[in-house]
Amino acid sequence: MTLFSTMYKNAFEIHKSGDYTASIEAFKQTMDETTDKGEQARAQEMIAFDMFLRNEGDDRIQAIRMYKDIINDKTYPASVRALMLADLALLMSDQGNDFAKQHFSAEPFDYYVESSKNSRYSVYTTAIEMLKASDSIYENSLAEYAVAYNYAVLILNDALGTSTPEATAKLMQDYIKKGDSNIDDMHYQPSNVARQYYYRALATSVSGKRLNNISLADRESAFKLVLSKTGAAENTDKQVKTVLMQARLNYAIFLMRNDFGLDRSSDIRAVLQAFAPSTGGDKDLLVPTRASLMALGDAPDSSFMKANVIKLSAISPDLKLFLNSLGWKL
């Protein structure tokens, strides 16, 4: 193992602890130990990522500038630039419409697309454009699965605009096939490994149901794959934990909304048992999940996710207790 690899691994362990000030310094030291442009970009990406997560002062402004500078600099490897644009799209997806419009309206990063239904869906239409651009720089499974996932969210919320659900589902399956041919577990952060399998599962489920060309068993297998591929890391990595909790909710929704010819309530409760206090592990690992579900509580009851989470809470006592602890009244 090279000195860079050793230092990068050690810095990443600090990142996983959530001490972003310390991890930023560790990644800066790591970057200074190499002259390789690809290795420098990997370290810089983690500096930018941790600054975005730390969010002190103008951290996020600086972080976005760092991402954009490297993405726009063709002296860095295309593969690294593509993944940084994909990562930036994923970070943007967790923010609101105002954030997307502010940072992604001007050239050469003019990816902002206003949703024709509701401005809150503009983060998804904008993410799709950013992810397609990432894939055009260098084909990568993270961007390809994420394009399909964002289309799935728009289908579920009837927010496609002029495109039909059937045409979009076919496009989603094209991106899933591309992702399957380019799938890569080795060069992504553990959280992005988890994300790509989660994005693949939801997109497979939604497109398969819309086109009626993927069996229930195969669609369920896609959700099981998320947990089997990345579940081992969730008790030490907050980002992985967050993705897997999202995956569990959507897996449970899949089980609830489809006719398997038998009652799957016990399976739903088993999938959602991770929300129970006794099995949730380190409470700090669930901070992003709590924040996400608190925000969902403020969404309209008609939104796809909120409506189905409410229905799930009637099946899973663990989920109901978790939601009520966040201020939901169920």
Protein backbone atom coordinates (compact mmCIF):
# COMPACT_ATOMS: atom_id res chain seq x y z
CA MET A 1 0.00 0.00 0.00
CA THR A 2 1.39 3.42 -0.99
CA LEU A 3 1.82 6.28 1.46
CA PHE A 4 -1.09 8.09 -0.23
CA SER A 5 -3.37 5.05 0.11
CA THR A 6 -2.48 4.62 3.78
CA MET A 7 -3.04 8.29 4.58
CA TYR A 8 -6.28 8.38 2.55
CA LYS A 9 -7.61 5.33 4.41
CA ASN A 10 -6.76 6.89 7.78
CA ALA A 11 -8.37 10.19 6.79
CA PHE A 12 -11.48 8.34 5.67
CA GLU A 13 -11.77 6.66 9.07
CA ILE A 14 -11.77 10.13 10.65
CA HIS A 15 -14.43 11.21 8.12
CA LYS A 16 -16.63 8.29 9.19
CA SER A 17 -16.40 9.43 12.82
CA GLY A 18 -18.12 12.71 11.88
CA ASP A 19 -15.24 14.94 13.02
CA TYR A 20 -15.16 16.84 9.73
CA THR A 21 -12.72 19.51 10.88
CA ALA A 22 -10.17 16.80 11.66
CA SER A 23 -10.90 14.85 8.48
CA ILE A 24 -10.52 17.98 6.32
CA GLU A 25 -7.06 18.54 7.78
CA ALA A 26 -6.18 14.87 7.31
CA PHE A 27 -7.24 14.92 3.65
CA LYS A 28 -5.24 18.13 3.10
CA GLN A 29 -2.14 16.40 4.45
CA THR A 30 -2.93 13.39 2.25
CA MET A 31 -3.21 15.59 -0.85
CA ASP A 32 0.19 17.16 -0.11
CA GLU A 33 1.85 13.73 -0.21
CA THR A 34 1.17 13.07 -3.91
CA THR A 35 1.86 14.66 -7.27
CA ASP A 36 -0.61 12.38 -9.10
CA LYS A 37 -3.54 14.45 -10.42
CA GLY A 38 -6.06 11.67 -9.88
CA GLU A 39 -4.99 11.13 -6.27
CA GLN A 40 -4.97 14.87 -5.62
CA ALA A 41 -8.52 15.14 -6.96
CA ARG A 42 -9.72 12.25 -4.78
CA ALA A 43 -8.38 13.99 -1.68
CA GLN A 44 -9.76 17.37 -2.77
CA GLU A 45 -13.16 15.83 -3.35
CA MET A 46 -13.25 14.55 0.22
CA ILE A 47 -12.15 17.98 1.50
CA ALA A 48 -15.01 19.59 -0.43
CA PHE A 49 -17.47 16.89 0.65
CA ASP A 50 -16.58 17.25 4.34
CA MET A 51 -16.71 21.04 4.13
CA PHE A 52 -20.20 20.73 2.68
CA LEU A 53 -21.21 18.42 5.53
CA ARG A 54 -19.57 20.57 8.22
CA ASN A 55 -21.45 23.64 6.92
CA GLU A 56 -19.75 26.30 9.03
CA GLY A 57 -19.56 29.88 7.76
CA ASP A 58 -19.04 29.83 3.99
CA ASP A 59 -18.05 26.13 3.92
CA ARG A 60 -20.67 25.22 1.33
CA ILE A 61 -19.80 28.09 -1.00
CA GLN A 62 -16.14 27.06 -0.88
CA ALA A 63 -17.02 23.39 -1.31
CA ILE A 64 -19.11 24.00 -4.42
CA ARG A 65 -16.32 26.17 -5.85
CA MET A 66 -13.82 23.36 -5.29
CA TYR A 67 -16.09 20.83 -6.99
CA LYS A 68 -16.66 23.12 -9.97
CA ASP A 69 -12.97 24.01 -10.34
CA ILE A 70 -11.92 20.37 -10.63
CA ILE A 71 -14.87 19.34 -12.82
CA ASN A 72 -13.97 22.16 -15.22
CA ASP A 73 -10.22 21.39 -15.26
CA LYS A 74 -9.45 18.88 -18.01
CA THR A 75 -5.97 18.24 -16.65
CA TYR A 76 -7.65 15.96 -14.11
CA PRO A 77 -8.70 12.44 -15.21
CA ALA A 78 -12.14 12.29 -16.87
CA SER A 79 -13.23 9.50 -14.52
CA VAL A 80 -12.54 11.65 -11.46
CA ARG A 81 -14.25 14.72 -12.93
CA ALA A 82 -17.32 12.66 -13.86
CA LEU A 83 -17.67 11.22 -10.36
CA MET A 84 -17.23 14.65 -8.78
CA LEU A 85 -20.09 15.99 -10.92
CA ALA A 86 -22.23 13.00 -9.94
CA ASP A 87 -21.41 13.62 -6.26
CA LEU A 88 -22.26 17.29 -6.64
CA ALA A 89 -25.61 16.34 -8.16
CA LEU A 90 -26.35 14.07 -5.20
CA LEU A 91 -25.44 16.80 -2.71
CA MET A 92 -27.68 19.24 -4.58
CA SER A 93 -30.55 16.73 -4.48
CA ASP A 94 -30.69 17.00 -0.70
CA GLN A 95 -31.14 20.78 -0.88
CA GLY A 96 -34.11 22.86 -2.00
CA ASN A 97 -35.12 24.54 -5.23
CA ASP A 98 -33.51 27.85 -4.26
CA PHE A 99 -30.13 26.15 -3.76
CA ALA A 100 -30.33 24.40 -7.13
CA LYS A 101 -31.32 27.60 -8.92
CA GLN A 102 -28.62 29.68 -7.21
CA HIS A 103 -25.69 27.38 -7.95
CA PHE A 104 -26.62 25.71 -11.23
CA SER A 105 -28.13 28.37 -13.49
CA ALA A 106 -24.99 29.99 -14.94
CA GLU A 107 -22.62 28.57 -17.58
CA PRO A 108 -20.76 26.28 -17.65
CA PHE A 109 -22.89 24.69 -14.92
CA ASP A 110 -26.30 25.77 -16.25
CA TYR A 111 -28.12 22.54 -15.43
CA TYR A 112 -31.11 24.06 -13.62
CA VAL A 113 -34.47 22.93 -15.04
CA GLU A 114 -37.67 24.28 -13.51
CA SER A 115 -40.25 21.56 -12.88
CA SER A 116 -43.48 22.16 -14.74
CA LYS A 117 -45.52 20.79 -11.82
CA ASN A 118 -43.98 22.21 -8.67
CA SER A 119 -40.70 23.95 -7.90
CA ARG A 120 -39.85 21.37 -5.23
CA TYR A 121 -39.39 18.79 -8.00
CA SER A 122 -36.84 21.04 -9.74
CA VAL A 123 -34.05 19.43 -7.71
CA TYR A 124 -34.84 16.14 -9.47
CA THR A 125 -35.04 17.60 -12.99
CA THR A 126 -31.80 19.49 -12.33
CA ALA A 127 -30.10 16.40 -10.90
CA ILE A 128 -31.01 14.45 -14.05
CA GLU A 129 -29.25 17.02 -16.23
CA MET A 130 -26.16 17.03 -13.99
CA LEU A 131 -26.01 13.23 -13.91
CA LYS A 132 -26.36 12.94 -17.67
CA ALA A 133 -23.49 15.42 -18.00
CA SER A 134 -21.42 13.31 -15.59
CA ASP A 135 -22.07 10.24 -17.72
CA SER A 136 -21.06 12.13 -20.88
CA ILE A 137 -17.70 13.03 -19.32
CA TYR A 138 -17.03 9.41 -18.37
CA GLU A 139 -19.60 6.61 -18.26
CA ASN A 140 -20.22 5.54 -14.66
CA SER A 141 -22.81 3.37 -12.96
CA LEU A 142 -23.45 5.83 -10.13
CA ALA A 143 -24.71 8.50 -12.55
CA GLU A 144 -26.59 6.01 -14.71
CA TYR A 145 -28.51 4.43 -11.84
CA ALA A 146 -29.11 7.88 -10.33
CA VAL A 147 -30.66 9.18 -13.57
CA ALA A 148 -33.08 6.25 -13.51
CA TYR A 149 -33.81 6.85 -9.80
CA ASN A 150 -34.63 10.53 -10.27
CA TYR A 151 -37.00 9.67 -13.12
CA ALA A 152 -38.63 7.15 -10.77
CA VAL A 153 -39.25 9.86 -8.17
CA LEU A 154 -40.87 12.06 -10.83
CA ILE A 155 -43.10 9.18 -11.99
CA LEU A 156 -44.20 8.39 -8.43
CA ASN A 157 -45.17 12.02 -7.85
CA ASP A 158 -46.83 12.53 -11.26
CA ALA A 159 -44.28 15.25 -12.03
CA LEU A 160 -42.86 14.19 -15.40
CA GLY A 161 -44.15 17.12 -17.39
CA THR A 162 -44.67 16.36 -21.09
CA SER A 163 -43.07 12.89 -21.15
CA THR A 164 -45.29 9.85 -20.61
CA PRO A 165 -44.63 7.41 -17.75
CA GLU A 166 -44.22 4.55 -20.23
CA ALA A 167 -41.61 6.35 -22.34
CA THR A 168 -39.79 7.41 -19.19
CA ALA A 169 -39.85 3.86 -17.77
CA LYS A 170 -38.25 2.57 -20.99
CA LEU A 171 -35.56 5.24 -20.71
CA MET A 172 -35.00 4.27 -17.06
CA GLN A 173 -34.44 0.66 -18.04
CA ASP A 174 -31.92 1.75 -20.68
CA TYR A 175 -29.98 3.57 -17.96
CA ILE A 176 -30.23 0.58 -15.62
CA LYS A 177 -28.75 -1.63 -18.35
CA LYS A 178 -25.92 0.87 -18.85
CA GLY A 179 -25.31 0.88 -15.11
CA ASP A 180 -25.23 -2.91 -15.02
CA SER A 181 -22.55 -2.93 -17.73
CA ASN A 182 -20.47 -0.26 -15.97
CA ILE A 183 -21.07 -1.23 -12.34
CA ASP A 184 -18.16 -0.41 -10.08
CA ASP A 185 -17.81 -1.04 -6.35
CA MET A 186 -14.08 -0.35 -6.14
CA HIS A 187 -13.73 3.36 -6.86
CA TYR A 188 -16.71 4.77 -4.96
CA GLN A 189 -17.04 5.83 -1.36
CA PRO A 190 -18.95 3.14 0.62
CA SER A 191 -22.00 5.43 0.76
CA ASN A 192 -22.02 5.74 -3.04
CA VAL A 193 -21.75 1.97 -3.40
CA ALA A 194 -24.88 1.76 -1.24
CA ARG A 195 -26.56 4.55 -3.19
CA GLN A 196 -26.03 2.99 -6.58
CA TYR A 197 -27.65 -0.29 -5.49
CA TYR A 198 -30.52 1.60 -3.83
CA TYR A 199 -31.08 3.75 -6.92
CA ARG A 200 -31.04 0.62 -9.07
CA ALA A 201 -33.59 -1.11 -6.84
CA LEU A 202 -36.12 1.72 -6.81
CA ALA A 203 -35.77 2.38 -10.54
CA THR A 204 -36.12 -1.34 -11.30
CA SER A 205 -39.24 -1.54 -9.15
CA VAL A 206 -40.94 1.54 -10.60
CA SER A 207 -40.08 0.89 -14.26
CA GLY A 208 -40.84 -2.83 -14.00
CA LYS A 209 -44.27 -2.15 -12.55
CA ARG A 210 -45.05 0.53 -15.14
CA LEU A 211 -44.02 -1.66 -18.10
CA ASN A 212 -45.02 -4.98 -16.51
CA ASN A 213 -41.81 -6.58 -17.79
CA ILE A 214 -39.93 -7.41 -14.57
CA SER A 215 -41.29 -10.01 -12.16
CA LEU A 216 -42.13 -9.19 -8.56
CA ALA A 217 -39.45 -11.66 -7.47
CA ASP A 218 -36.76 -9.92 -9.52
CA ARG A 219 -37.86 -6.51 -8.31
CA GLU A 220 -37.71 -7.69 -4.71
CA SER A 221 -34.28 -9.22 -5.33
CA ALA A 222 -33.03 -5.76 -6.33
CA PHE A 223 -33.98 -4.42 -2.88
CA LYS A 224 -32.42 -7.41 -1.13
CA LEU A 225 -29.21 -6.79 -3.07
CA VAL A 226 -28.89 -3.32 -1.50
CA LEU A 227 -28.81 -4.75 2.00
CA SER A 228 -26.62 -7.75 1.18
CA LYS A 229 -24.01 -5.69 -0.68
CA THR A 230 -23.58 -2.85 1.80
CA GLY A 231 -25.24 -3.78 5.09
CA ALA A 232 -21.97 -4.66 6.83
CA ALA A 233 -20.81 -1.02 6.75
CA GLU A 234 -23.91 0.61 8.19
CA ASN A 235 -22.88 0.34 11.84
CA THR A 236 -19.69 2.33 11.28
CA ASP A 237 -20.58 4.77 8.49
CA LYS A 238 -23.30 7.39 8.98
CA GLN A 239 -23.70 7.98 5.24
CA VAL A 240 -24.16 4.27 4.51
CA LYS A 241 -26.65 3.98 7.38
CA THR A 242 -28.69 6.85 5.94
CA VAL A 243 -28.89 5.25 2.49
CA LEU A 244 -29.87 1.86 3.88
CA MET A 245 -32.62 3.33 6.05
CA GLN A 246 -34.03 4.99 2.91
CA ALA A 247 -33.75 1.69 1.09
CA ARG A 248 -35.61 -0.13 3.87
CA LEU A 249 -38.48 2.34 3.74
CA ASN A 250 -38.80 1.95 -0.01
CA TYR A 251 -38.46 -1.84 0.20
CA ALA A 252 -41.29 -1.88 2.73
CA ILE A 253 -43.40 0.37 0.47
CA PHE A 254 -42.75 -2.06 -2.38
CA LEU A 255 -43.94 -4.99 -0.24
CA MET A 256 -47.03 -3.05 0.87
CA ARG A 257 -48.14 -1.79 -2.56
CA ASN A 258 -47.83 -4.99 -4.59
CA ASP A 259 -50.04 -8.07 -4.66
CA PHE A 260 -47.92 -11.11 -3.83
CA GLY A 261 -50.95 -13.33 -3.24
CA LEU A 262 -50.19 -13.46 0.48
CA ASP A 263 -49.92 -11.09 3.44
CA ARG A 264 -46.39 -9.61 3.65
CA SER A 265 -47.04 -7.64 6.87
CA SER A 266 -44.57 -9.74 8.88
CA ASP A 267 -41.89 -9.12 6.25
CA ILE A 268 -42.61 -5.39 6.34
CA ARG A 269 -42.20 -5.38 10.11
CA ALA A 270 -38.92 -7.28 9.77
CA VAL A 271 -37.55 -4.84 7.19
CA LEU A 272 -38.51 -1.86 9.37
CA GLN A 273 -37.21 -3.35 12.62
CA ALA A 274 -34.07 -1.26 12.09
CA PHE A 275 -36.14 1.74 13.28
CA ALA A 276 -36.62 0.14 16.72
CA PRO A 277 -34.52 1.77 19.49
CA SER A 278 -33.07 -1.61 20.47
CA THR A 279 -31.77 -2.34 16.95
CA GLY A 280 -30.98 1.14 15.70
CA GLY A 281 -27.37 1.00 16.88
CA ASP A 282 -25.43 4.17 17.62
CA LYS A 283 -27.98 6.99 17.76
CA ASP A 284 -25.52 9.34 16.07
CA LEU A 285 -25.70 7.16 12.95
CA LEU A 286 -29.41 7.95 12.65
CA VAL A 287 -29.10 11.76 12.81
CA PRO A 288 -29.50 12.23 9.02
CA THR A 289 -32.40 9.77 8.94
CA ARG A 290 -34.17 11.65 11.71
CA ALA A 291 -33.61 14.97 9.92
CA SER A 292 -34.93 13.55 6.64
CA LEU A 293 -38.08 12.16 8.22
CA MET A 294 -38.68 15.35 10.19
CA ALA A 295 -38.59 17.23 6.87
CA LEU A 296 -40.92 14.64 5.32
CA GLY A 297 -43.36 15.31 8.15
CA ASP A 298 -43.75 18.85 6.83
CA ALA A 299 -44.46 17.67 3.26
CA PRO A 300 -48.03 17.58 1.92
CA ASP A 301 -49.89 14.42 2.95
CA SER A 302 -50.50 13.81 -0.76
CA SER A 303 -46.79 13.36 -1.54
CA PHE A 304 -45.99 9.78 -2.50
CA MET A 305 -43.42 9.17 0.21
CA LYS A 306 -45.33 10.73 3.10
CA ALA A 307 -48.63 9.04 2.20
CA ASN A 308 -46.97 5.62 2.10
CA VAL A 309 -44.85 6.12 5.22
CA ILE A 310 -48.07 6.92 7.10
CA LYS A 311 -49.57 3.65 5.82
CA LEU A 312 -46.44 1.74 6.84
CA SER A 313 -46.65 3.14 10.36
CA ALA A 314 -49.98 1.34 10.76
CA ILE A 315 -48.19 -1.95 10.04
CA SER A 316 -44.87 -1.40 11.84
CA PRO A 317 -44.98 -0.37 15.53
CA ASP A 318 -41.22 0.31 15.36
CA LEU A 319 -41.62 2.84 12.55
CA LYS A 320 -44.64 4.43 14.25
CA LEU A 321 -42.72 4.91 17.49
CA PHE A 322 -39.75 6.37 15.61
CA LEU A 323 -41.94 8.84 13.71
CA ASN A 324 -43.85 9.92 16.81
CA SER A 325 -40.52 10.63 18.51
CA LEU A 326 -39.87 13.14 15.69
CA GLY A 327 -43.16 14.96 16.22
CA TRP A 328 -45.38 13.07 13.79
CA LYS A 329 -48.85 12.53 15.23
CA LEU A 330 -49.86 9.01 14.25
